[in-house]
Amino acid sequence: MNEGSIGKWIANEGAKIKDGNIIATIDTDKASVDFEVTENFILVKKLYKEGEKLQVGQVIAIAAEDEDEYKKLKDRDFSE
């Protein structure tokens, strides 16, 4: 698999995510796979919309470790 797309976002921006949560599904030409996280964080910004193509290894979201970091990042423009 080299490429996929965001099938569905499960988590919302601003949500507190816990280790083991599923934040999105990733669709490929052969399967739909749950994107399960392995850390606790706050979801700051989704970088892709549902249906948008992405390459394996691309960053799909911005995360903050805590409320202070979230407040610093939430209004930042992450567009290229």
Protein backbone atom coordinates (compact mmCIF):
# COMPACT_ATOMS: atom_id res chain seq x y z
CA MET A 1 0.00 0.00 0.00
CA ASN A 2 1.44 3.35 -1.05
CA GLU A 3 -1.63 5.53 -0.99
CA GLY A 4 -4.98 5.85 0.72
CA SER A 5 -7.57 8.39 1.74
CA ILE A 6 -9.34 9.50 4.86
CA GLY A 7 -12.50 7.41 4.85
CA LYS A 8 -14.05 8.98 7.91
CA TRP A 9 -12.87 11.12 10.78
CA ILE A 10 -14.03 9.65 14.10
CA ALA A 11 -12.44 12.27 16.38
CA ASN A 12 -13.17 15.99 16.29
CA GLU A 13 -10.71 18.84 16.56
CA GLY A 14 -10.32 19.82 20.22
CA ALA A 15 -11.07 16.28 21.42
CA LYS A 16 -8.96 14.67 24.13
CA ILE A 17 -7.70 11.44 22.60
CA LYS A 18 -6.55 8.49 24.68
CA ASP A 19 -4.17 5.66 23.88
CA GLY A 20 -6.14 3.02 21.97
CA ASN A 21 -8.74 5.42 20.52
CA ILE A 22 -9.53 5.29 16.84
CA ILE A 23 -9.36 8.78 15.33
CA ALA A 24 -10.13 7.95 11.67
CA THR A 25 -10.55 5.23 9.11
CA ILE A 26 -8.13 5.06 6.21
CA ASP A 27 -9.43 3.65 2.93
CA THR A 28 -7.17 1.89 0.43
CA ASP A 29 -7.97 0.12 -2.79
CA LYS A 30 -8.26 -3.14 -0.84
CA ALA A 31 -9.50 -2.33 2.67
CA SER A 32 -10.71 0.20 5.20
CA VAL A 33 -8.40 0.33 8.23
CA ASP A 34 -8.94 1.92 11.64
CA PHE A 35 -6.26 4.46 12.61
CA GLU A 36 -5.67 3.61 16.28
CA VAL A 37 -3.39 5.92 18.29
CA THR A 38 -0.80 4.86 20.82
CA GLU A 39 -0.54 8.05 22.88
CA ASN A 40 -2.72 10.53 24.77
CA PHE A 41 -3.11 13.97 23.14
CA ILE A 42 -5.52 16.70 22.09
CA LEU A 43 -6.42 16.77 18.39
CA VAL A 44 -5.59 20.31 17.25
CA LYS A 45 -6.13 20.23 13.49
CA LYS A 46 -7.11 17.70 10.82
CA LEU A 47 -4.85 18.21 7.81
CA TYR A 48 -6.97 16.20 5.35
CA LYS A 49 -10.68 16.12 4.60
CA GLU A 50 -12.64 12.91 4.21
CA GLY A 51 -11.96 11.48 0.76
CA GLU A 52 -8.64 13.29 0.24
CA LYS A 53 -5.74 11.16 -0.99
CA LEU A 54 -2.55 10.81 1.03
CA GLN A 55 0.68 8.88 0.84
CA VAL A 56 1.77 6.32 3.43
CA GLY A 57 3.70 8.08 6.20
CA GLN A 58 2.12 11.51 5.72
CA VAL A 59 1.07 13.45 8.82
CA ILE A 60 -2.73 13.58 8.88
CA ALA A 61 -3.27 15.78 11.95
CA ILE A 62 -1.62 18.12 14.44
CA ALA A 63 -1.65 17.01 18.07
CA ALA A 64 -0.93 18.81 21.34
CA GLU A 65 0.43 17.17 24.47
CA ASP A 66 -1.63 19.28 26.88
CA GLU A 67 -4.08 22.20 27.20
CA ASP A 68 -1.31 24.84 27.19
CA GLU A 69 0.13 23.55 23.92
CA TYR A 70 -3.37 23.22 22.46
CA LYS A 71 -4.12 26.90 23.23
CA LYS A 72 -0.91 27.93 21.47
CA LEU A 73 -1.64 25.85 18.36
CA LYS A 74 -5.42 25.94 17.88
CA ASP A 75 -5.54 29.19 15.87
CA ARG A 76 -2.34 28.62 13.90
CA ASP A 77 -2.49 28.25 10.12
CA PHE A 78 -0.96 24.89 9.14
CA SER A 79 -1.55 25.25 5.40
CA GLU A 80 1.53 25.02 3.20
